[in-house]
Structure formats: C-alpha cells, structure tokens
PDB file of N, CA and C in Angstrom:
ATOM      1  N   MET A   1      -6.748 -15.545   7.659  1.00  0.00           N
ATOM      2  CA  MET A   1      -6.922 -15.261   6.227  1.00  0.00           C
ATOM      3  C   MET A   1      -6.329 -16.507   5.453  1.00  0.00           C
ATOM      4  N   GLY A   2      -5.331 -17.222   5.967  1.00  0.00           N
ATOM      5  CA  GLY A   2      -4.807 -18.300   5.207  1.00  0.00           C
ATOM      6  C   GLY A   2      -3.638 -17.960   4.277  1.00  0.00           C
ATOM      7  N   PHE A   3      -3.875 -17.171   3.276  1.00  0.00           N
ATOM      8  CA  PHE A   3      -2.773 -16.808   2.346  1.00  0.00           C
ATOM      9  C   PHE A   3      -2.292 -15.434   2.698  1.00  0.00           C
ATOM     10  N   LYS A   4      -1.052 -15.382   2.929  1.00  0.00           N
ATOM     11  CA  LYS A   4      -0.460 -14.062   3.348  1.00  0.00           C
ATOM     12  C   LYS A   4       0.208 -13.370   2.171  1.00  0.00           C
ATOM     13  N   ARG A   5      -0.204 -12.030   2.021  1.00  0.00           N
ATOM     14  CA  ARG A   5       0.398 -11.222   1.000  1.00  0.00           C
ATOM     15  C   ARG A   5       1.477 -10.331   1.663  1.00  0.00           C
ATOM     16  N   GLU A   6       2.444  -9.915   0.846  1.00  0.00           N
ATOM     17  CA  GLU A   6       3.388  -8.873   1.283  1.00  0.00           C
ATOM     18  C   GLU A   6       2.881  -7.582   0.824  1.00  0.00           C
ATOM     19  N   ILE A   7       2.479  -6.695   1.759  1.00  0.00           N
ATOM     20  CA  ILE A   7       1.959  -5.451   1.520  1.00  0.00           C
ATOM     21  C   ILE A   7       2.704  -4.284   2.169  1.00  0.00           C
ATOM     22  N   VAL A   8       3.166  -3.370   1.264  1.00  0.00           N
ATOM     23  CA  VAL A   8       3.953  -2.288   1.702  1.00  0.00           C
ATOM     24  C   VAL A   8       3.193  -0.995   1.264  1.00  0.00           C
ATOM     25  N   LEU A   9       3.060  -0.071   2.242  1.00  0.00           N
ATOM     26  CA  LEU A   9       2.324   1.103   1.916  1.00  0.00           C
ATOM     27  C   LEU A   9       3.323   2.315   2.057  1.00  0.00           C
ATOM     28  N   TYR A  10       3.526   3.012   0.950  1.00  0.00           N
ATOM     29  CA  TYR A  10       4.386   4.225   0.916  1.00  0.00           C
ATOM     30  C   TYR A  10       3.394   5.414   1.129  1.00  0.00           C
ATOM     31  N   THR A  11       3.677   6.150   2.150  1.00  0.00           N
ATOM     32  CA  THR A  11       2.786   7.230   2.509  1.00  0.00           C
ATOM     33  C   THR A  11       3.617   8.306   3.277  1.00  0.00           C
ATOM     34  N   HIS A  12       2.941   9.275   3.821  1.00  0.00           N
ATOM     35  CA  HIS A  12       3.572  10.317   4.740  1.00  0.00           C
ATOM     36  C   HIS A  12       2.481  10.800   5.684  1.00  0.00           C
ATOM     37  N   LYS A  13       2.831  11.391   6.670  1.00  0.00           N
ATOM     38  CA  LYS A  13       1.915  12.020   7.695  1.00  0.00           C
ATOM     39  C   LYS A  13       1.052  13.044   6.855  1.00  0.00           C
ATOM     40  N   GLY A  14      -0.193  13.054   7.143  1.00  0.00           N
ATOM     41  CA  GLY A  14      -1.126  14.003   6.474  1.00  0.00           C
ATOM     42  C   GLY A  14      -1.600  13.542   5.143  1.00  0.00           C
ATOM     43  N   CYS A  15      -1.237  12.375   4.653  1.00  0.00           N
ATOM     44  CA  CYS A  15      -1.716  11.845   3.401  1.00  0.00           C
ATOM     45  C   CYS A  15      -3.138  11.273   3.614  1.00  0.00           C
ATOM     46  N   PRO A  16      -4.248  11.804   3.088  1.00  0.00           N
ATOM     47  CA  PRO A  16      -5.544  11.253   3.397  1.00  0.00           C
ATOM     48  C   PRO A  16      -5.790   9.828   3.012  1.00  0.00           C
ATOM     49  N   GLY A  17      -5.312   9.520   1.787  1.00  0.00           N
ATOM     50  CA  GLY A  17      -5.439   8.143   1.259  1.00  0.00           C
ATOM     51  C   GLY A  17      -4.650   7.209   2.091  1.00  0.00           C
ATOM     52  N   GLY A  18      -3.385   7.575   2.496  1.00  0.00           N
ATOM     53  CA  GLY A  18      -2.569   6.748   3.378  1.00  0.00           C
ATOM     54  C   GLY A  18      -3.257   6.556   4.734  1.00  0.00           C
ATOM     55  N   ASP A  19      -3.846   7.575   5.270  1.00  0.00           N
ATOM     56  CA  ASP A  19      -4.509   7.514   6.557  1.00  0.00           C
ATOM     57  C   ASP A  19      -5.671   6.523   6.482  1.00  0.00           C
ATOM     58  N   ARG A  20      -6.476   6.560   5.345  1.00  0.00           N
ATOM     59  CA  ARG A  20      -7.583   5.665   5.158  1.00  0.00           C
ATOM     60  C   ARG A  20      -7.097   4.301   5.035  1.00  0.00           C
ATOM     61  N   ALA A  21      -5.986   4.044   4.304  1.00  0.00           N
ATOM     62  CA  ALA A  21      -5.423   2.673   4.062  1.00  0.00           C
ATOM     63  C   ALA A  21      -4.964   2.133   5.448  1.00  0.00           C
ATOM     64  N   ILE A  22      -4.249   2.907   6.226  1.00  0.00           N
ATOM     65  CA  ILE A  22      -3.748   2.473   7.571  1.00  0.00           C
ATOM     66  C   ILE A  22      -5.030   2.069   8.433  1.00  0.00           C
ATOM     67  N   SER A  23      -5.931   2.838   8.447  1.00  0.00           N
ATOM     68  CA  SER A  23      -7.093   2.611   9.242  1.00  0.00           C
ATOM     69  C   SER A  23      -7.810   1.296   8.793  1.00  0.00           C
ATOM     70  N   TYR A  24      -7.996   1.128   7.437  1.00  0.00           N
ATOM     71  CA  TYR A  24      -8.533  -0.031   6.978  1.00  0.00           C
ATOM     72  C   TYR A  24      -7.728  -1.348   7.269  1.00  0.00           C
ATOM     73  N   PHE A  25      -6.477  -1.285   7.156  1.00  0.00           N
ATOM     74  CA  PHE A  25      -5.607  -2.375   7.492  1.00  0.00           C
ATOM     75  C   PHE A  25      -5.794  -2.805   8.969  1.00  0.00           C
ATOM     76  N   HIS A  26      -5.703  -1.774   9.820  1.00  0.00           N
ATOM     77  CA  HIS A  26      -5.792  -2.081  11.308  1.00  0.00           C
ATOM     78  C   HIS A  26      -7.128  -2.604  11.627  1.00  0.00           C
ATOM     79  N   GLN A  27      -8.198  -2.064  11.148  1.00  0.00           N
ATOM     80  CA  GLN A  27      -9.547  -2.455  11.442  1.00  0.00           C
ATOM     81  C   GLN A  27      -9.790  -3.931  10.914  1.00  0.00           C
ATOM     82  N   ASN A  28      -9.074  -4.359   9.906  1.00  0.00           N
ATOM     83  CA  ASN A  28      -9.367  -5.636   9.443  1.00  0.00           C
ATOM     84  C   ASN A  28      -8.216  -6.650   9.657  1.00  0.00           C
ATOM     85  N   GLY A  29      -7.300  -6.253  10.548  1.00  0.00           N
ATOM     86  CA  GLY A  29      -6.269  -7.094  11.006  1.00  0.00           C
ATOM     87  C   GLY A  29      -5.334  -7.593   9.834  1.00  0.00           C
ATOM     88  N   ILE A  30      -5.074  -6.678   8.925  1.00  0.00           N
ATOM     89  CA  ILE A  30      -4.190  -6.978   7.799  1.00  0.00           C
ATOM     90  C   ILE A  30      -2.840  -6.416   8.084  1.00  0.00           C
ATOM     91  N   SER A  31      -1.809  -7.292   8.015  1.00  0.00           N
ATOM     92  CA  SER A  31      -0.422  -6.944   8.213  1.00  0.00           C
ATOM     93  C   SER A  31       0.101  -6.019   6.967  1.00  0.00           C
ATOM     94  N   VAL A  32       0.646  -5.002   7.336  1.00  0.00           N
ATOM     95  CA  VAL A  32       1.191  -4.097   6.345  1.00  0.00           C
ATOM     96  C   VAL A  32       2.400  -3.373   6.816  1.00  0.00           C
ATOM     97  N   GLN A  33       3.361  -3.225   5.965  1.00  0.00           N
ATOM     98  CA  GLN A  33       4.562  -2.450   6.298  1.00  0.00           C
ATOM     99  C   GLN A  33       4.367  -1.058   5.790  1.00  0.00           C
ATOM    100  N   ILE A  34       4.432  -0.145   6.723  1.00  0.00           N
ATOM    101  CA  ILE A  34       4.234   1.290   6.397  1.00  0.00           C
ATOM    102  C   ILE A  34       5.647   1.987   6.261  1.00  0.00           C
ATOM    103  N   LYS A  35       5.813   2.623   5.191  1.00  0.00           N
ATOM    104  CA  LYS A  35       7.059   3.376   4.851  1.00  0.00           C
ATOM    105  C   LYS A  35       6.691   4.862   4.678  1.00  0.00           C
ATOM    106  N   ASP A  36       7.338   5.686   5.517  1.00  0.00           N
ATOM    107  CA  ASP A  36       7.101   7.108   5.564  1.00  0.00           C
ATOM    108  C   ASP A  36       8.096   7.746   4.571  1.00  0.00           C
ATOM    109  N   ILE A  37       7.708   8.179   3.429  1.00  0.00           N
ATOM    110  CA  ILE A  37       8.693   8.829   2.469  1.00  0.00           C
ATOM    111  C   ILE A  37       9.261  10.178   2.810  1.00  0.00           C
ATOM    112  N   ILE A  38       8.636  10.780   3.807  1.00  0.00           N
ATOM    113  CA  ILE A  38       9.175  12.104   4.298  1.00  0.00           C
ATOM    114  C   ILE A  38      10.289  11.925   5.229  1.00  0.00           C
ATOM    115  N   ASN A  39      10.155  11.027   6.240  1.00  0.00           N
ATOM    116  CA  ASN A  39      11.161  10.799   7.296  1.00  0.00           C
ATOM    117  C   ASN A  39      12.073   9.599   7.142  1.00  0.00           C
ATOM    118  N   ASP A  40      11.916   8.900   6.009  1.00  0.00           N
ATOM    119  CA  ASP A  40      12.850   7.831   5.891  1.00  0.00           C
ATOM    120  C   ASP A  40      13.440   7.884   4.434  1.00  0.00           C
ATOM    121  N   PRO A  41      14.682   8.309   4.287  1.00  0.00           N
ATOM    122  CA  PRO A  41      15.254   8.449   2.933  1.00  0.00           C
ATOM    123  C   PRO A  41      15.374   7.164   2.180  1.00  0.00           C
ATOM    124  N   VAL A  42      15.480   6.035   2.827  1.00  0.00           N
ATOM    125  CA  VAL A  42      15.547   4.794   2.184  1.00  0.00           C
ATOM    126  C   VAL A  42      14.166   4.537   1.591  1.00  0.00           C
ATOM    127  N   ALA A  43      13.078   4.862   2.244  1.00  0.00           N
ATOM    128  CA  ALA A  43      11.795   4.611   1.758  1.00  0.00           C
ATOM    129  C   ALA A  43      11.539   5.522   0.585  1.00  0.00           C
ATOM    130  N   LEU A  44      11.943   6.792   0.707  1.00  0.00           N
ATOM    131  CA  LEU A  44      11.811   7.699  -0.415  1.00  0.00           C
ATOM    132  C   LEU A  44      12.550   7.180  -1.693  1.00  0.00           C
ATOM    133  N   ASN A  45      13.701   6.629  -1.533  1.00  0.00           N
ATOM    134  CA  ASN A  45      14.466   6.181  -2.635  1.00  0.00           C
ATOM    135  C   ASN A  45      13.809   4.880  -3.305  1.00  0.00           C
ATOM    136  N   GLU A  46      13.220   4.031  -2.439  1.00  0.00           N
ATOM    137  CA  GLU A  46      12.500   2.909  -3.045  1.00  0.00           C
ATOM    138  C   GLU A  46      11.279   3.454  -3.732  1.00  0.00           C
ATOM    139  N   PHE A  47      10.516   4.377  -3.189  1.00  0.00           N
ATOM    140  CA  PHE A  47       9.384   4.983  -3.827  1.00  0.00           C
ATOM    141  C   PHE A  47       9.690   5.542  -5.172  1.00  0.00           C
ATOM    142  N   ARG A  48      10.760   6.249  -5.301  1.00  0.00           N
ATOM    143  CA  ARG A  48      11.208   6.892  -6.569  1.00  0.00           C
ATOM    144  C   ARG A  48      11.668   5.784  -7.543  1.00  0.00           C
ATOM    145  N   GLU A  49      12.388   4.800  -7.073  1.00  0.00           N
ATOM    146  CA  GLU A  49      12.837   3.628  -7.885  1.00  0.00           C
ATOM    147  C   GLU A  49      11.674   2.951  -8.550  1.00  0.00           C
ATOM    148  N   ASN A  50      10.605   2.899  -7.766  1.00  0.00           N
ATOM    149  CA  ASN A  50       9.339   2.276  -8.320  1.00  0.00           C
ATOM    150  C   ASN A  50       8.497   3.149  -9.234  1.00  0.00           C
ATOM    151  N   GLY A  51       9.016   4.271  -9.568  1.00  0.00           N
ATOM    152  CA  GLY A  51       8.403   5.213 -10.571  1.00  0.00           C
ATOM    153  C   GLY A  51       7.240   5.877  -9.938  1.00  0.00           C
ATOM    154  N   CYS A  52       7.293   6.165  -8.667  1.00  0.00           N
ATOM    155  CA  CYS A  52       6.152   6.694  -7.947  1.00  0.00           C
ATOM    156  C   CYS A  52       6.287   8.286  -7.817  1.00  0.00           C
ATOM    157  N   PHE A  53       5.162   8.940  -7.801  1.00  0.00           N
ATOM    158  CA  PHE A  53       5.300  10.439  -7.664  1.00  0.00           C
ATOM    159  C   PHE A  53       4.302  10.992  -6.717  1.00  0.00           C
ATOM    160  N   ALA A  54       3.307  10.237  -6.344  1.00  0.00           N
ATOM    161  CA  ALA A  54       2.284  10.752  -5.376  1.00  0.00           C
ATOM    162  C   ALA A  54       1.886   9.590  -4.461  1.00  0.00           C
ATOM    163  N   THR A  55       1.488   9.906  -3.172  1.00  0.00           N
ATOM    164  CA  THR A  55       1.099   8.917  -2.255  1.00  0.00           C
ATOM    165  C   THR A  55      -0.492   8.889  -2.157  1.00  0.00           C
ATOM    166  N   PRO A  56      -1.021   7.790  -1.672  1.00  0.00           N
ATOM    167  CA  PRO A  56      -0.346   6.598  -1.187  1.00  0.00           C
ATOM    168  C   PRO A  56      -0.056   5.686  -2.382  1.00  0.00           C
ATOM    169  N   VAL A  57       0.930   4.801  -2.155  1.00  0.00           N
ATOM    170  CA  VAL A  57       1.187   3.702  -3.212  1.00  0.00           C
ATOM    171  C   VAL A  57       1.274   2.401  -2.382  1.00  0.00           C
ATOM    172  N   LEU A  58       0.551   1.473  -2.910  1.00  0.00           N
ATOM    173  CA  LEU A  58       0.652   0.145  -2.280  1.00  0.00           C
ATOM    174  C   LEU A  58       1.515  -0.770  -3.117  1.00  0.00           C
ATOM    175  N   MET A  59       2.354  -1.642  -2.567  1.00  0.00           N
ATOM    176  CA  MET A  59       2.975  -2.643  -3.265  1.00  0.00           C
ATOM    177  C   MET A  59       2.489  -3.935  -2.663  1.00  0.00           C
ATOM    178  N   ILE A  60       1.816  -4.686  -3.527  1.00  0.00           N
ATOM    179  CA  ILE A  60       1.289  -5.967  -3.028  1.00  0.00           C
ATOM    180  C   ILE A  60       1.966  -7.048  -3.773  1.00  0.00           C
ATOM    181  N   ASP A  61       2.761  -7.852  -3.036  1.00  0.00           N
ATOM    182  CA  ASP A  61       3.574  -8.948  -3.628  1.00  0.00           C
ATOM    183  C   ASP A  61       4.314  -8.374  -4.870  1.00  0.00           C
ATOM    184  N   GLY A  62       4.844  -7.123  -4.685  1.00  0.00           N
ATOM    185  CA  GLY A  62       5.726  -6.470  -5.761  1.00  0.00           C
ATOM    186  C   GLY A  62       5.049  -5.758  -6.841  1.00  0.00           C
ATOM    187  N   ARG A  63       3.659  -5.841  -6.811  1.00  0.00           N
ATOM    188  CA  ARG A  63       2.860  -5.121  -7.850  1.00  0.00           C
ATOM    189  C   ARG A  63       2.435  -3.737  -7.274  1.00  0.00           C
ATOM    190  N   LYS A  64       2.492  -2.752  -8.097  1.00  0.00           N
ATOM    191  CA  LYS A  64       2.227  -1.364  -7.657  1.00  0.00           C
ATOM    192  C   LYS A  64       0.847  -0.979  -7.945  1.00  0.00           C
ATOM    193  N   PHE A  65       0.156  -0.447  -6.858  1.00  0.00           N
ATOM    194  CA  PHE A  65      -1.206   0.072  -6.924  1.00  0.00           C
ATOM    195  C   PHE A  65      -1.137   1.557  -6.437  1.00  0.00           C
ATOM    196  N   VAL A  66      -1.528   2.531  -7.242  1.00  0.00           N
ATOM    197  CA  VAL A  66      -1.485   3.842  -6.918  1.00  0.00           C
ATOM    198  C   VAL A  66      -2.917   4.302  -6.376  1.00  0.00           C
ATOM    199  N   GLY A  67      -2.800   4.967  -5.183  1.00  0.00           N
ATOM    200  CA  GLY A  67      -4.010   5.377  -4.498  1.00  0.00           C
ATOM    201  C   GLY A  67      -4.594   4.175  -3.622  1.00  0.00           C
ATOM    202  N   PHE A  68      -5.599   4.553  -2.892  1.00  0.00           N
ATOM    203  CA  PHE A  68      -6.221   3.432  -2.061  1.00  0.00           C
ATOM    204  C   PHE A  68      -7.800   3.435  -2.203  1.00  0.00           C
ATOM    205  N   ASN A  69      -8.223   2.328  -2.648  1.00  0.00           N
ATOM    206  CA  ASN A  69      -9.711   2.113  -2.742  1.00  0.00           C
ATOM    207  C   ASN A  69      -9.980   0.732  -2.176  1.00  0.00           C
ATOM    208  N   TRP A  70     -10.536   0.654  -0.966  1.00  0.00           N
ATOM    209  CA  TRP A  70     -10.628  -0.685  -0.316  1.00  0.00           C
ATOM    210  C   TRP A  70     -11.495  -1.602  -1.093  1.00  0.00           C
ATOM    211  N   ARG A  71     -12.549  -1.059  -1.824  1.00  0.00           N
ATOM    212  CA  ARG A  71     -13.372  -1.942  -2.666  1.00  0.00           C
ATOM    213  C   ARG A  71     -12.630  -2.565  -3.821  1.00  0.00           C
ATOM    214  N   MET A  72     -11.704  -1.789  -4.431  1.00  0.00           N
ATOM    215  CA  MET A  72     -10.987  -2.287  -5.584  1.00  0.00           C
ATOM    216  C   MET A  72      -9.841  -3.278  -5.012  1.00  0.00           C
ATOM    217  N   HIS A  73      -9.272  -2.906  -3.948  1.00  0.00           N
ATOM    218  CA  HIS A  73      -8.026  -3.682  -3.494  1.00  0.00           C
ATOM    219  C   HIS A  73      -8.395  -4.768  -2.517  1.00  0.00           C
ATOM    220  N   SER A  74      -9.546  -4.961  -1.926  1.00  0.00           N
ATOM    221  CA  SER A  74      -9.874  -5.828  -0.910  1.00  0.00           C
ATOM    222  C   SER A  74      -9.555  -7.215  -1.209  1.00  0.00           C
ATOM    223  N   SER A  75      -9.763  -7.631  -2.472  1.00  0.00           N
ATOM    224  CA  SER A  75      -9.505  -9.033  -2.870  1.00  0.00           C
ATOM    225  C   SER A  75      -8.110  -9.328  -2.774  1.00  0.00           C
ATOM    226  N   ALA A  76      -7.164  -8.273  -3.063  1.00  0.00           N
ATOM    227  CA  ALA A  76      -5.847  -8.513  -3.024  1.00  0.00           C
ATOM    228  C   ALA A  76      -5.359  -8.607  -1.542  1.00  0.00           C
ATOM    229  N   PHE A  77      -6.036  -7.815  -0.640  1.00  0.00           N
ATOM    230  CA  PHE A  77      -5.636  -7.874   0.739  1.00  0.00           C
ATOM    231  C   PHE A  77      -5.992  -9.236   1.345  1.00  0.00           C
ATOM    232  N   LEU A  78      -7.118  -9.723   0.943  1.00  0.00           N
ATOM    233  CA  LEU A  78      -7.636 -11.038   1.538  1.00  0.00           C
ATOM    234  C   LEU A  78      -7.032 -12.236   0.841  1.00  0.00           C
ATOM    235  N   GLY A  79      -6.045 -12.070  -0.009  1.00  0.00           N
ATOM    236  CA  GLY A  79      -5.305 -13.270  -0.465  1.00  0.00           C
ATOM    237  C   GLY A  79      -5.886 -13.896  -1.703  1.00  0.00           C
ATOM    238  N   LYS A  80      -6.885 -13.158  -2.245  1.00  0.00           N
ATOM    239  CA  LYS A  80      -7.465 -13.633  -3.633  1.00  0.00           C
ATOM    240  C   LYS A  80      -6.690 -13.099  -4.821  1.00  0.00           C
ATOM    241  N   ARG A  81      -7.064 -13.544  -5.905  1.00  0.00           N
ATOM    242  CA  ARG A  81      -6.366 -13.100  -7.157  1.00  0.00           C
ATOM    243  C   ARG A  81      -6.508 -11.508  -7.241  1.00  0.00           C
ATOM    244  N   ILE A  82      -5.361 -10.944  -7.667  1.00  0.00           N
ATOM    245  CA  ILE A  82      -5.404  -9.487  -7.876  1.00  0.00           C
ATOM    246  C   ILE A  82      -5.924  -9.254  -9.251  1.00  0.00           C
ATOM    247  N   SER A  83      -7.069  -8.498  -9.327  1.00  0.00           N
ATOM    248  CA  SER A  83      -7.668  -8.411 -10.638  1.00  0.00           C
ATOM    249  C   SER A  83      -7.395  -7.072 -11.369  1.00  0.00           C
ATOM    250  N   LYS A  84      -6.969  -6.000 -10.666  1.00  0.00           N
ATOM    251  CA  LYS A  84      -6.754  -4.781 -11.341  1.00  0.00           C
ATOM    252  C   LYS A  84      -5.403  -4.171 -10.906  1.00  0.00           C
ATOM    253  N   ASP A  85      -4.490  -4.136 -11.785  1.00  0.00           N
ATOM    254  CA  ASP A  85      -3.172  -3.410 -11.553  1.00  0.00           C
ATOM    255  C   ASP A  85      -3.227  -2.004 -12.017  1.00  0.00           C
ATOM    256  N   CYS A  86      -2.979  -1.140 -11.100  1.00  0.00           N
ATOM    257  CA  CYS A  86      -3.071   0.338 -11.574  1.00  0.00           C
ATOM    258  C   CYS A  86      -1.756   0.930 -11.937  1.00  0.00           C
ATOM    259  N   SER A  87      -0.780   0.058 -12.165  1.00  0.00           N
ATOM    260  CA  SER A  87       0.561   0.675 -12.527  1.00  0.00           C
ATOM    261  C   SER A  87       0.702   0.863 -13.985  1.00  0.00           C
TER     262      SER A  87
END
C-alpha cells in the first residue's frame, strides 16, 4: 500500500457493521486494531471519550467515522486523502 494509516475499529461481537468491516480489512490485507467495547473496559472508556454511542466506529489517523461503508471509506484505508468525515 505504501502509506500506512492508523485504523482502530470499535465494535463488539454481533455488530453487523463491525463484522463487515473486519471481513473487509482481512480480505484486503489492511491492518486494523480491533477494540471490543463489551469485553474491554479501557476500549469502552476510549469509545465514550470520543463521543461515540453506537458501533461500529472507525478512528482513522484520529478522525472519527461512524458506521462502515467500504465504498465511502476505501480511499482512507488505501492511504489516499480522506474526503468525508462523518463525525
């Protein structure tokens, strides 16, 4: 890919959008840190500190994106300019 983004996914087991995001990242060889807000109290605290209320939430280089839409976010994953911030 060349340019590496820091991508953090806040999700939990059974979150359909989180499951789609994880599948997308794995299929495309994209490195992502997955944080389970149900089983990890530190992750839940970070999630709340970022003003989040529903999963999934992506943090890409510190910018918050609510939900998962690979078409909208793929340029951010591939290291191109982030064009749409959903926060």
